[in-house]
Amino acid sequence: MKARGMRPATVKCRLDSWFVGRPIPSVKIKWVPNRPEVGWMLSVGDTVYIGERALRAKRVGARKVSSSFFSTLYNRTGICTIWYVDLP
């Protein structure tokens, strides 16, 4: 979708299945037209992974736009998050 000039506006996650002990979330994304000066990042993972991505996003000046949570079978929390960053 990036090649088509689109960016994700909202994200919704839910847990659909498992593969070798790992949750496989289903991600629903609403796409909107993008301006060339806006970059974006979409991340899906557990709280530790998203925490690392949040630190990386903060370093480059990105802002969180949308976030969605889902629970796994073992009461772990998964997160889907979108960040936007203004490009030079």
Protein backbone atom coordinates (compact mmCIF):
# COMPACT_ATOMS: atom_id res chain seq x y z
CA MET A 1 0.00 0.00 0.00
CA LYS A 2 2.97 2.30 0.54
CA ALA A 3 3.71 2.13 -3.19
CA ARG A 4 0.14 3.27 -3.87
CA GLY A 5 0.61 6.37 -1.73
CA MET A 6 -1.49 5.12 1.18
CA ARG A 7 -0.88 5.04 4.94
CA PRO A 8 -2.64 3.18 7.76
CA ALA A 9 -5.04 5.36 9.76
CA THR A 10 -6.45 2.88 12.29
CA VAL A 11 -5.58 -0.65 13.30
CA LYS A 12 -7.60 -3.35 15.06
CA CYS A 13 -6.13 -6.66 16.23
CA ARG A 14 -7.57 -9.91 17.47
CA LEU A 15 -6.15 -13.33 18.09
CA ASP A 16 -7.17 -15.85 15.44
CA SER A 17 -4.81 -18.80 15.77
CA TRP A 18 -1.54 -20.20 17.08
CA PHE A 19 1.52 -21.55 15.29
CA VAL A 20 4.23 -23.44 17.20
CA GLY A 21 3.44 -21.71 20.49
CA ARG A 22 3.17 -18.23 18.96
CA PRO A 23 -0.02 -16.22 18.61
CA ILE A 24 -0.98 -15.18 15.09
CA PRO A 25 -3.10 -12.03 15.27
CA SER A 26 -5.52 -10.92 12.62
CA VAL A 27 -4.91 -7.26 11.77
CA LYS A 28 -7.57 -5.02 10.21
CA ILE A 29 -6.23 -1.74 8.82
CA LYS A 30 -8.09 1.31 7.52
CA TRP A 31 -6.02 2.98 4.78
CA VAL A 32 -6.10 6.67 3.80
CA PRO A 33 -4.16 8.70 1.20
CA ASN A 34 -0.70 9.74 2.34
CA ARG A 35 1.33 12.90 1.80
CA PRO A 36 4.96 12.39 0.67
CA GLU A 37 6.32 14.10 3.81
CA VAL A 38 4.70 11.61 6.23
CA GLY A 39 6.41 8.31 7.00
CA TRP A 40 4.80 5.55 9.03
CA MET A 41 5.62 2.41 11.01
CA LEU A 42 3.25 -0.45 11.82
CA SER A 43 4.24 -2.91 14.56
CA VAL A 44 2.55 -6.03 15.93
CA GLY A 45 3.90 -7.89 18.93
CA ASP A 46 3.94 -8.41 22.67
CA THR A 47 4.42 -5.62 25.19
CA VAL A 48 8.22 -6.02 25.31
CA TYR A 49 8.61 -5.80 21.52
CA ILE A 50 6.26 -2.83 21.24
CA GLY A 51 8.11 -1.12 24.10
CA GLU A 52 11.37 -1.43 22.14
CA ARG A 53 9.69 -0.12 18.99
CA ALA A 54 8.21 2.79 20.99
CA LEU A 55 11.69 3.82 22.14
CA ARG A 56 12.95 3.67 18.56
CA ALA A 57 9.94 5.69 17.37
CA LYS A 58 10.51 8.30 20.07
CA ARG A 59 14.15 8.71 19.00
CA VAL A 60 13.12 9.62 15.46
CA GLY A 61 10.30 11.91 16.60
CA ALA A 62 7.38 9.66 15.66
CA ARG A 63 3.94 10.01 17.24
CA LYS A 64 1.54 7.15 18.01
CA VAL A 65 -1.65 7.39 15.95
CA SER A 66 -3.56 4.18 16.65
CA SER A 67 -3.18 1.22 18.95
CA SER A 68 -5.16 -1.97 19.57
CA PHE A 69 -4.73 -4.73 22.16
CA PHE A 70 -5.48 -8.45 22.11
CA SER A 71 -5.10 -11.20 24.72
CA THR A 72 -3.43 -14.53 24.12
CA LEU A 73 -4.44 -17.86 25.64
CA TYR A 74 -1.84 -17.50 28.38
CA ASN A 75 -3.05 -14.04 29.49
CA ARG A 76 -0.28 -12.26 27.63
CA THR A 77 -1.10 -9.00 25.93
CA GLY A 78 -0.39 -8.34 22.29
CA ILE A 79 -0.41 -4.90 20.75
CA CYS A 80 -0.76 -3.46 17.24
CA THR A 81 0.46 0.12 16.90
CA ILE A 82 0.87 2.73 14.14
CA TRP A 83 3.32 5.63 14.35
CA TYR A 84 3.68 8.61 12.00
CA VAL A 85 6.87 10.58 11.52
CA ASP A 86 7.38 13.82 9.58
CA LEU A 87 10.08 13.36 6.92
CA PRO A 88 12.50 16.15 6.00
